Amino acid sequence: MNSNRVKGMMDEVVGSAKRKVGELTDDAGLQVEGIVQQVKGDLENAWGKAIDIVRDANDEARVPHDTLIEVEMEYSAPRGESKKSK
């Protein structure tokens, strides 16, 4: 889990608390502030998840440099002879 996801979760929790306190005290400003902070947290969390997904995909796709792959192809020579190359 990266720092974006941690910050996002914290913003979601704090925003939710502010919104609920605003509801209990009939403070519309605090309610709006809490909702905005929750949305910010949702976006940070989503961004962090995307970063994790891309990092994990890159880790899975990584091929060690000491791995060699031999490829053999057939091609037609100018005279129509079949040759193999490596």
PDB file of N, CA and C in Angstrom:
ATOM      1  N   MET A   1       0.859  -1.174   0.000  1.00  0.00           N
ATOM      2  CA  MET A   1       0.000   0.000   0.000  1.00  0.00           C
ATOM      3  C   MET A   1       0.903   1.234   0.000  1.00  0.00           C
ATOM      4  N   ASN A   2       0.611   2.161  -0.912  1.00  0.00           N
ATOM      5  CA  ASN A   2       1.455   3.345  -1.007  1.00  0.00           C
ATOM      6  C   ASN A   2       0.885   4.514  -0.197  1.00  0.00           C
ATOM      7  N   SER A   3       1.638   5.602  -0.152  1.00  0.00           N
ATOM      8  CA  SER A   3       1.260   6.741   0.687  1.00  0.00           C
ATOM      9  C   SER A   3      -0.044   7.396   0.223  1.00  0.00           C
ATOM     10  N   ASN A   4      -0.336   7.357  -1.090  1.00  0.00           N
ATOM     11  CA  ASN A   4      -1.591   7.936  -1.572  1.00  0.00           C
ATOM     12  C   ASN A   4      -2.796   7.225  -0.968  1.00  0.00           C
ATOM     13  N   ARG A   5      -2.712   5.921  -0.872  1.00  0.00           N
ATOM     14  CA  ARG A   5      -3.830   5.153  -0.319  1.00  0.00           C
ATOM     15  C   ARG A   5      -3.990   5.433   1.176  1.00  0.00           C
ATOM     16  N   VAL A   6      -2.886   5.561   1.891  1.00  0.00           N
ATOM     17  CA  VAL A   6      -2.954   5.847   3.323  1.00  0.00           C
ATOM     18  C   VAL A   6      -3.557   7.234   3.548  1.00  0.00           C
ATOM     19  N   LYS A   7      -3.052   8.244   2.807  1.00  0.00           N
ATOM     20  CA  LYS A   7      -3.607   9.600   2.939  1.00  0.00           C
ATOM     21  C   LYS A   7      -5.081   9.618   2.550  1.00  0.00           C
ATOM     22  N   GLY A   8      -5.433   8.863   1.514  1.00  0.00           N
ATOM     23  CA  GLY A   8      -6.819   8.821   1.085  1.00  0.00           C
ATOM     24  C   GLY A   8      -7.738   8.244   2.146  1.00  0.00           C
ATOM     25  N   MET A   9      -7.303   7.166   2.767  1.00  0.00           N
ATOM     26  CA  MET A   9      -8.124   6.559   3.818  1.00  0.00           C
ATOM     27  C   MET A   9      -8.271   7.508   5.015  1.00  0.00           C
ATOM     28  N   MET A  10      -7.188   8.207   5.344  1.00  0.00           N
ATOM     29  CA  MET A  10      -7.253   9.158   6.462  1.00  0.00           C
ATOM     30  C   MET A  10      -8.232  10.291   6.142  1.00  0.00           C
ATOM     31  N   ASP A  11      -8.166  10.819   4.925  1.00  0.00           N
ATOM     32  CA  ASP A  11      -9.085  11.887   4.536  1.00  0.00           C
ATOM     33  C   ASP A  11     -10.531  11.405   4.549  1.00  0.00           C
ATOM     34  N   GLU A  12     -10.749  10.166   4.124  1.00  0.00           N
ATOM     35  CA  GLU A  12     -12.109   9.621   4.141  1.00  0.00           C
ATOM     36  C   GLU A  12     -12.649   9.553   5.575  1.00  0.00           C
ATOM     37  N   VAL A  13     -11.831   9.070   6.492  1.00  0.00           N
ATOM     38  CA  VAL A  13     -12.261   8.918   7.886  1.00  0.00           C
ATOM     39  C   VAL A  13     -12.511  10.288   8.530  1.00  0.00           C
ATOM     40  N   VAL A  14     -11.562  11.203   8.357  1.00  0.00           N
ATOM     41  CA  VAL A  14     -11.702  12.535   8.958  1.00  0.00           C
ATOM     42  C   VAL A  14     -12.883  13.268   8.322  1.00  0.00           C
ATOM     43  N   GLY A  15     -13.036  13.147   7.018  1.00  0.00           N
ATOM     44  CA  GLY A  15     -14.150  13.790   6.331  1.00  0.00           C
ATOM     45  C   GLY A  15     -15.487  13.257   6.800  1.00  0.00           C
ATOM     46  N   SER A  16     -15.557  11.963   6.996  1.00  0.00           N
ATOM     47  CA  SER A  16     -16.793  11.350   7.483  1.00  0.00           C
ATOM     48  C   SER A  16     -17.132  11.858   8.882  1.00  0.00           C
ATOM     49  N   ALA A  17     -16.118  11.971   9.732  1.00  0.00           N
ATOM     50  CA  ALA A  17     -16.331  12.467  11.101  1.00  0.00           C
ATOM     51  C   ALA A  17     -16.816  13.918  11.074  1.00  0.00           C
ATOM     52  N   LYS A  18     -16.183  14.747  10.238  1.00  0.00           N
ATOM     53  CA  LYS A  18     -16.607  16.150  10.135  1.00  0.00           C
ATOM     54  C   LYS A  18     -18.050  16.247   9.649  1.00  0.00           C
ATOM     55  N   ARG A  19     -18.385  15.443   8.660  1.00  0.00           N
ATOM     56  CA  ARG A  19     -19.745  15.470   8.117  1.00  0.00           C
ATOM     57  C   ARG A  19     -20.757  15.093   9.195  1.00  0.00           C
ATOM     58  N   LYS A  20     -20.459  14.049   9.961  1.00  0.00           N
ATOM     59  CA  LYS A  20     -21.385  13.607  11.008  1.00  0.00           C
ATOM     60  C   LYS A  20     -21.515  14.646  12.123  1.00  0.00           C
ATOM     61  N   VAL A  21     -20.396  15.270  12.518  1.00  0.00           N
ATOM     62  CA  VAL A  21     -20.454  16.320  13.531  1.00  0.00           C
ATOM     63  C   VAL A  21     -21.276  17.493  13.006  1.00  0.00           C
ATOM     64  N   GLY A  22     -21.090  17.821  11.740  1.00  0.00           N
ATOM     65  CA  GLY A  22     -21.871  18.892  11.131  1.00  0.00           C
ATOM     66  C   GLY A  22     -23.355  18.585  11.123  1.00  0.00           C
ATOM     67  N   GLU A  23     -23.705  17.303  10.887  1.00  0.00           N
ATOM     68  CA  GLU A  23     -25.112  16.904  10.923  1.00  0.00           C
ATOM     69  C   GLU A  23     -25.679  17.029  12.342  1.00  0.00           C
ATOM     70  N   LEU A  24     -24.904  16.617  13.330  1.00  0.00           N
ATOM     71  CA  LEU A  24     -25.365  16.667  14.721  1.00  0.00           C
ATOM     72  C   LEU A  24     -25.522  18.096  15.233  1.00  0.00           C
ATOM     73  N   THR A  25     -24.657  18.996  14.750  1.00  0.00           N
ATOM     74  CA  THR A  25     -24.694  20.380  15.231  1.00  0.00           C
ATOM     75  C   THR A  25     -25.410  21.314  14.268  1.00  0.00           C
ATOM     76  N   ASP A  26     -26.005  20.774  13.227  1.00  0.00           N
ATOM     77  CA  ASP A  26     -26.674  21.568  12.184  1.00  0.00           C
ATOM     78  C   ASP A  26     -25.748  22.628  11.587  1.00  0.00           C
ATOM     79  N   ASP A  27     -24.493  22.260  11.405  1.00  0.00           N
ATOM     80  CA  ASP A  27     -23.493  23.161  10.807  1.00  0.00           C
ATOM     81  C   ASP A  27     -23.285  22.738   9.351  1.00  0.00           C
ATOM     82  N   ALA A  28     -23.959  23.436   8.440  1.00  0.00           N
ATOM     83  CA  ALA A  28     -23.897  23.079   7.021  1.00  0.00           C
ATOM     84  C   ALA A  28     -22.481  23.225   6.471  1.00  0.00           C
ATOM     85  N   GLY A  29     -21.752  24.239   6.946  1.00  0.00           N
ATOM     86  CA  GLY A  29     -20.373  24.442   6.482  1.00  0.00           C
ATOM     87  C   GLY A  29     -19.482  23.259   6.815  1.00  0.00           C
ATOM     88  N   LEU A  30     -19.624  22.735   8.018  1.00  0.00           N
ATOM     89  CA  LEU A  30     -18.822  21.582   8.441  1.00  0.00           C
ATOM     90  C   LEU A  30     -19.236  20.322   7.672  1.00  0.00           C
ATOM     91  N   GLN A  31     -20.520  20.205   7.389  1.00  0.00           N
ATOM     92  CA  GLN A  31     -20.994  19.065   6.584  1.00  0.00           C
ATOM     93  C   GLN A  31     -20.363  19.095   5.201  1.00  0.00           C
ATOM     94  N   VAL A  32     -20.379  20.259   4.566  1.00  0.00           N
ATOM     95  CA  VAL A  32     -19.802  20.394   3.217  1.00  0.00           C
ATOM     96  C   VAL A  32     -18.302  20.138   3.260  1.00  0.00           C
ATOM     97  N   GLU A  33     -17.637  20.690   4.269  1.00  0.00           N
ATOM     98  CA  GLU A  33     -16.196  20.473   4.417  1.00  0.00           C
ATOM     99  C   GLU A  33     -15.886  18.982   4.552  1.00  0.00           C
ATOM    100  N   GLY A  34     -16.699  18.282   5.323  1.00  0.00           N
ATOM    101  CA  GLY A  34     -16.506  16.841   5.494  1.00  0.00           C
ATOM    102  C   GLY A  34     -16.730  16.075   4.205  1.00  0.00           C
ATOM    103  N   ILE A  35     -17.771  16.449   3.462  1.00  0.00           N
ATOM    104  CA  ILE A  35     -18.058  15.771   2.190  1.00  0.00           C
ATOM    105  C   ILE A  35     -16.914  15.990   1.210  1.00  0.00           C
ATOM    106  N   VAL A  36     -16.412  17.229   1.134  1.00  0.00           N
ATOM    107  CA  VAL A  36     -15.296  17.534   0.228  1.00  0.00           C
ATOM    108  C   VAL A  36     -14.061  16.725   0.616  1.00  0.00           C
ATOM    109  N   GLN A  37     -13.794  16.632   1.906  1.00  0.00           N
ATOM    110  CA  GLN A  37     -12.622  15.864   2.357  1.00  0.00           C
ATOM    111  C   GLN A  37     -12.797  14.373   2.061  1.00  0.00           C
ATOM    112  N   GLN A  38     -14.017  13.866   2.187  1.00  0.00           N
ATOM    113  CA  GLN A  38     -14.272  12.462   1.853  1.00  0.00           C
ATOM    114  C   GLN A  38     -14.027  12.205   0.368  1.00  0.00           C
ATOM    115  N   VAL A  39     -14.512  13.087  -0.483  1.00  0.00           N
ATOM    116  CA  VAL A  39     -14.327  12.931  -1.928  1.00  0.00           C
ATOM    117  C   VAL A  39     -12.841  12.990  -2.274  1.00  0.00           C
ATOM    118  N   LYS A  40     -12.131  13.930  -1.649  1.00  0.00           N
ATOM    119  CA  LYS A  40     -10.682  14.023  -1.849  1.00  0.00           C
ATOM    120  C   LYS A  40     -10.015  12.702  -1.456  1.00  0.00           C
ATOM    121  N   GLY A  41     -10.423  12.142  -0.341  1.00  0.00           N
ATOM    122  CA  GLY A  41      -9.875  10.866   0.112  1.00  0.00           C
ATOM    123  C   GLY A  41     -10.180   9.736  -0.851  1.00  0.00           C
ATOM    124  N   ASP A  42     -11.397   9.714  -1.380  1.00  0.00           N
ATOM    125  CA  ASP A  42     -11.757   8.692  -2.365  1.00  0.00           C
ATOM    126  C   ASP A  42     -10.851   8.777  -3.592  1.00  0.00           C
ATOM    127  N   LEU A  43     -10.617  10.017  -4.059  1.00  0.00           N
ATOM    128  CA  LEU A  43      -9.767  10.204  -5.240  1.00  0.00           C
ATOM    129  C   LEU A  43      -8.319   9.799  -4.956  1.00  0.00           C
ATOM    130  N   GLU A  44      -7.801  10.185  -3.806  1.00  0.00           N
ATOM    131  CA  GLU A  44      -6.424   9.800  -3.450  1.00  0.00           C
ATOM    132  C   GLU A  44      -6.296   8.278  -3.352  1.00  0.00           C
ATOM    133  N   ASN A  45      -7.292   7.649  -2.758  1.00  0.00           N
ATOM    134  CA  ASN A  45      -7.274   6.194  -2.618  1.00  0.00           C
ATOM    135  C   ASN A  45      -7.325   5.523  -3.989  1.00  0.00           C
ATOM    136  N   ALA A  46      -8.185   6.027  -4.889  1.00  0.00           N
ATOM    137  CA  ALA A  46      -8.278   5.455  -6.238  1.00  0.00           C
ATOM    138  C   ALA A  46      -6.964   5.633  -6.992  1.00  0.00           C
ATOM    139  N   TRP A  47      -6.349   6.805  -6.851  1.00  0.00           N
ATOM    140  CA  TRP A  47      -5.063   7.056  -7.506  1.00  0.00           C
ATOM    141  C   TRP A  47      -3.996   6.095  -6.957  1.00  0.00           C
ATOM    142  N   GLY A  48      -3.983   5.907  -5.666  1.00  0.00           N
ATOM    143  CA  GLY A  48      -3.027   4.975  -5.058  1.00  0.00           C
ATOM    144  C   GLY A  48      -3.236   3.548  -5.530  1.00  0.00           C
ATOM    145  N   LYS A  49      -4.501   3.130  -5.678  1.00  0.00           N
ATOM    146  CA  LYS A  49      -4.785   1.785  -6.188  1.00  0.00           C
ATOM    147  C   LYS A  49      -4.280   1.636  -7.611  1.00  0.00           C
ATOM    148  N   ALA A  50      -4.481   2.671  -8.435  1.00  0.00           N
ATOM    149  CA  ALA A  50      -4.007   2.617  -9.822  1.00  0.00           C
ATOM    150  C   ALA A  50      -2.488   2.490  -9.867  1.00  0.00           C
ATOM    151  N   ILE A  51      -1.804   3.229  -9.021  1.00  0.00           N
ATOM    152  CA  ILE A  51      -0.340   3.151  -8.954  1.00  0.00           C
ATOM    153  C   ILE A  51       0.087   1.742  -8.551  1.00  0.00           C
ATOM    154  N   ASP A  52      -0.581   1.163  -7.557  1.00  0.00           N
ATOM    155  CA  ASP A  52      -0.257  -0.200  -7.122  1.00  0.00           C
ATOM    156  C   ASP A  52      -0.477  -1.210  -8.241  1.00  0.00           C
ATOM    157  N   ILE A  53      -1.568  -1.065  -8.978  1.00  0.00           N
ATOM    158  CA  ILE A  53      -1.877  -2.002 -10.069  1.00  0.00           C
ATOM    159  C   ILE A  53      -0.808  -1.933 -11.148  1.00  0.00           C
ATOM    160  N   VAL A  54      -0.422  -0.727 -11.539  1.00  0.00           N
ATOM    161  CA  VAL A  54       0.608  -0.567 -12.578  1.00  0.00           C
ATOM    162  C   VAL A  54       1.943  -1.116 -12.093  1.00  0.00           C
ATOM    163  N   ARG A  55       2.307  -0.821 -10.840  1.00  0.00           N
ATOM    164  CA  ARG A  55       3.573  -1.329 -10.293  1.00  0.00           C
ATOM    165  C   ARG A  55       3.581  -2.860 -10.266  1.00  0.00           C
ATOM    166  N   ASP A  56       2.468  -3.457  -9.820  1.00  0.00           N
ATOM    167  CA  ASP A  56       2.391  -4.917  -9.767  1.00  0.00           C
ATOM    168  C   ASP A  56       2.467  -5.533 -11.157  1.00  0.00           C
ATOM    169  N   ALA A  57       1.807  -4.918 -12.130  1.00  0.00           N
ATOM    170  CA  ALA A  57       1.857  -5.430 -13.504  1.00  0.00           C
ATOM    171  C   ALA A  57       3.275  -5.349 -14.058  1.00  0.00           C
ATOM    172  N   ASN A  58       3.969  -4.256 -13.772  1.00  0.00           N
ATOM    173  CA  ASN A  58       5.359  -4.129 -14.225  1.00  0.00           C
ATOM    174  C   ASN A  58       6.251  -5.165 -13.559  1.00  0.00           C
ATOM    175  N   ASP A  59       6.030  -5.421 -12.279  1.00  0.00           N
ATOM    176  CA  ASP A  59       6.828  -6.429 -11.581  1.00  0.00           C
ATOM    177  C   ASP A  59       6.612  -7.814 -12.172  1.00  0.00           C
ATOM    178  N   GLU A  60       5.370  -8.139 -12.525  1.00  0.00           N
ATOM    179  CA  GLU A  60       5.073  -9.449 -13.105  1.00  0.00           C
ATOM    180  C   GLU A  60       5.642  -9.585 -14.509  1.00  0.00           C
ATOM    181  N   ALA A  61       5.695  -8.489 -15.258  1.00  0.00           N
ATOM    182  CA  ALA A  61       6.152  -8.536 -16.640  1.00  0.00           C
ATOM    183  C   ALA A  61       7.673  -8.459 -16.762  1.00  0.00           C
ATOM    184  N   ARG A  62       8.333  -8.120 -15.685  1.00  0.00           N
ATOM    185  CA  ARG A  62       9.780  -7.944 -15.733  1.00  0.00           C
ATOM    186  C   ARG A  62      10.474  -9.267 -16.025  1.00  0.00           C
ATOM    187  N   VAL A  63      11.405  -9.241 -16.997  1.00  0.00           N
ATOM    188  CA  VAL A  63      12.196 -10.416 -17.365  1.00  0.00           C
ATOM    189  C   VAL A  63      13.624 -10.146 -16.918  1.00  0.00           C
ATOM    190  N   PRO A  64      14.229 -11.086 -16.201  1.00  0.00           N
ATOM    191  CA  PRO A  64      15.621 -10.876 -15.783  1.00  0.00           C
ATOM    192  C   PRO A  64      16.536 -10.698 -16.991  1.00  0.00           C
ATOM    193  N   HIS A  65      17.540  -9.853 -16.851  1.00  0.00           N
ATOM    194  CA  HIS A  65      18.440  -9.564 -17.960  1.00  0.00           C
ATOM    195  C   HIS A  65      19.292 -10.750 -18.372  1.00  0.00           C
ATOM    196  N   ASP A  66      19.483 -11.712 -17.496  1.00  0.00           N
ATOM    197  CA  ASP A  66      20.319 -12.850 -17.848  1.00  0.00           C
ATOM    198  C   ASP A  66      19.536 -13.940 -18.579  1.00  0.00           C
ATOM    199  N   THR A  67      18.271 -13.696 -18.861  1.00  0.00           N
ATOM    200  CA  THR A  67      17.458 -14.664 -19.597  1.00  0.00           C
ATOM    201  C   THR A  67      17.638 -14.433 -21.088  1.00  0.00           C
ATOM    202  N   LEU A  68      18.035 -15.462 -21.779  1.00  0.00           N
ATOM    203  CA  LEU A  68      18.205 -15.373 -23.227  1.00  0.00           C
ATOM    204  C   LEU A  68      17.111 -16.178 -23.907  1.00  0.00           C
ATOM    205  N   ILE A  69      16.602 -15.637 -24.978  1.00  0.00           N
ATOM    206  CA  ILE A  69      15.575 -16.312 -25.751  1.00  0.00           C
ATOM    207  C   ILE A  69      16.115 -16.490 -27.158  1.00  0.00           C
ATOM    208  N   GLU A  70      16.149 -17.738 -27.624  1.00  0.00           N
ATOM    209  CA  GLU A  70      16.593 -17.989 -28.990  1.00  0.00           C
ATOM    210  C   GLU A  70      15.393 -17.982 -29.910  1.00  0.00           C
ATOM    211  N   VAL A  71      15.553 -17.302 -31.017  1.00  0.00           N
ATOM    212  CA  VAL A  71      14.483 -17.205 -31.992  1.00  0.00           C
ATOM    213  C   VAL A  71      15.016 -17.739 -33.302  1.00  0.00           C
ATOM    214  N   GLU A  72      14.244 -18.606 -33.928  1.00  0.00           N
ATOM    215  CA  GLU A  72      14.639 -19.160 -35.221  1.00  0.00           C
ATOM    216  C   GLU A  72      13.585 -18.762 -36.242  1.00  0.00           C
ATOM    217  N   MET A  73      14.046 -18.202 -37.358  1.00  0.00           N
ATOM    218  CA  MET A  73      13.115 -17.766 -38.392  1.00  0.00           C
ATOM    219  C   MET A  73      13.482 -18.429 -39.715  1.00  0.00           C
ATOM    220  N   GLU A  74      12.487 -18.635 -40.513  1.00  0.00           N
ATOM    221  CA  GLU A  74      12.726 -19.068 -41.884  1.00  0.00           C
ATOM    222  C   GLU A  74      12.398 -17.910 -42.792  1.00  0.00           C
ATOM    223  N   TYR A  75      13.203 -17.756 -43.826  1.00  0.00           N
ATOM    224  CA  TYR A  75      12.923 -16.704 -44.784  1.00  0.00           C
ATOM    225  C   TYR A  75      13.285 -17.213 -46.172  1.00  0.00           C
ATOM    226  N   SER A  76      12.781 -16.570 -47.155  1.00  0.00           N
ATOM    227  CA  SER A  76      13.057 -16.971 -48.540  1.00  0.00           C
ATOM    228  C   SER A  76      14.259 -16.207 -49.045  1.00  0.00           C
ATOM    229  N   ALA A  77      15.201 -16.956 -49.602  1.00  0.00           N
ATOM    230  CA  ALA A  77      16.376 -16.346 -50.207  1.00  0.00           C
ATOM    231  C   ALA A  77      15.981 -15.843 -51.594  1.00  0.00           C
ATOM    232  N   PRO A  78      16.778 -14.973 -52.171  1.00  0.00           N
ATOM    233  CA  PRO A  78      16.428 -14.430 -53.483  1.00  0.00           C
ATOM    234  C   PRO A  78      16.183 -15.493 -54.550  1.00  0.00           C
ATOM    235  N   ARG A  79      16.847 -16.644 -54.465  1.00  0.00           N
ATOM    236  CA  ARG A  79      16.690 -17.687 -55.466  1.00  0.00           C
ATOM    237  C   ARG A  79      15.577 -18.664 -55.093  1.00  0.00           C
ATOM    238  N   GLY A  80      14.813 -18.362 -54.074  1.00  0.00           N
ATOM    239  CA  GLY A  80      13.736 -19.235 -53.657  1.00  0.00           C
ATOM    240  C   GLY A  80      14.184 -20.355 -52.747  1.00  0.00           C
ATOM    241  N   GLU A  81      15.450 -20.336 -52.322  1.00  0.00           N
ATOM    242  CA  GLU A  81      15.944 -21.369 -51.417  1.00  0.00           C
ATOM    243  C   GLU A  81      15.480 -21.031 -49.989  1.00  0.00           C
ATOM    244  N   SER A  82      15.197 -22.063 -49.234  1.00  0.00           N
ATOM    245  CA  SER A  82      14.803 -21.862 -47.838  1.00  0.00           C
ATOM    246  C   SER A  82      16.039 -21.881 -46.972  1.00  0.00           C
ATOM    247  N   LYS A  83      16.223 -20.862 -46.172  1.00  0.00           N
ATOM    248  CA  LYS A  83      17.367 -20.788 -45.267  1.00  0.00           C
ATOM    249  C   LYS A  83      16.859 -20.562 -43.867  1.00  0.00           C
ATOM    250  N   LYS A  84      17.657 -20.963 -42.905  1.00  0.00           N
ATOM    251  CA  LYS A  84      17.330 -20.716 -41.498  1.00  0.00           C
ATOM    252  C   LYS A  84      18.388 -19.786 -40.937  1.00  0.00           C
ATOM    253  N   SER A  85      17.958 -18.922 -40.055  1.00  0.00           N
ATOM    254  CA  SER A  85      18.918 -18.053 -39.371  1.00  0.00           C
ATOM    255  C   SER A  85      18.552 -17.981 -37.896  1.00  0.00           C
ATOM    256  N   LYS A  86      19.532 -17.653 -37.125  1.00  0.00           N
ATOM    257  CA  LYS A  86      19.302 -17.477 -35.683  1.00  0.00           C
ATOM    258  C   LYS A  86      19.543 -16.046 -35.318  1.00  0.00           C
TER     259      LYS A  86
END
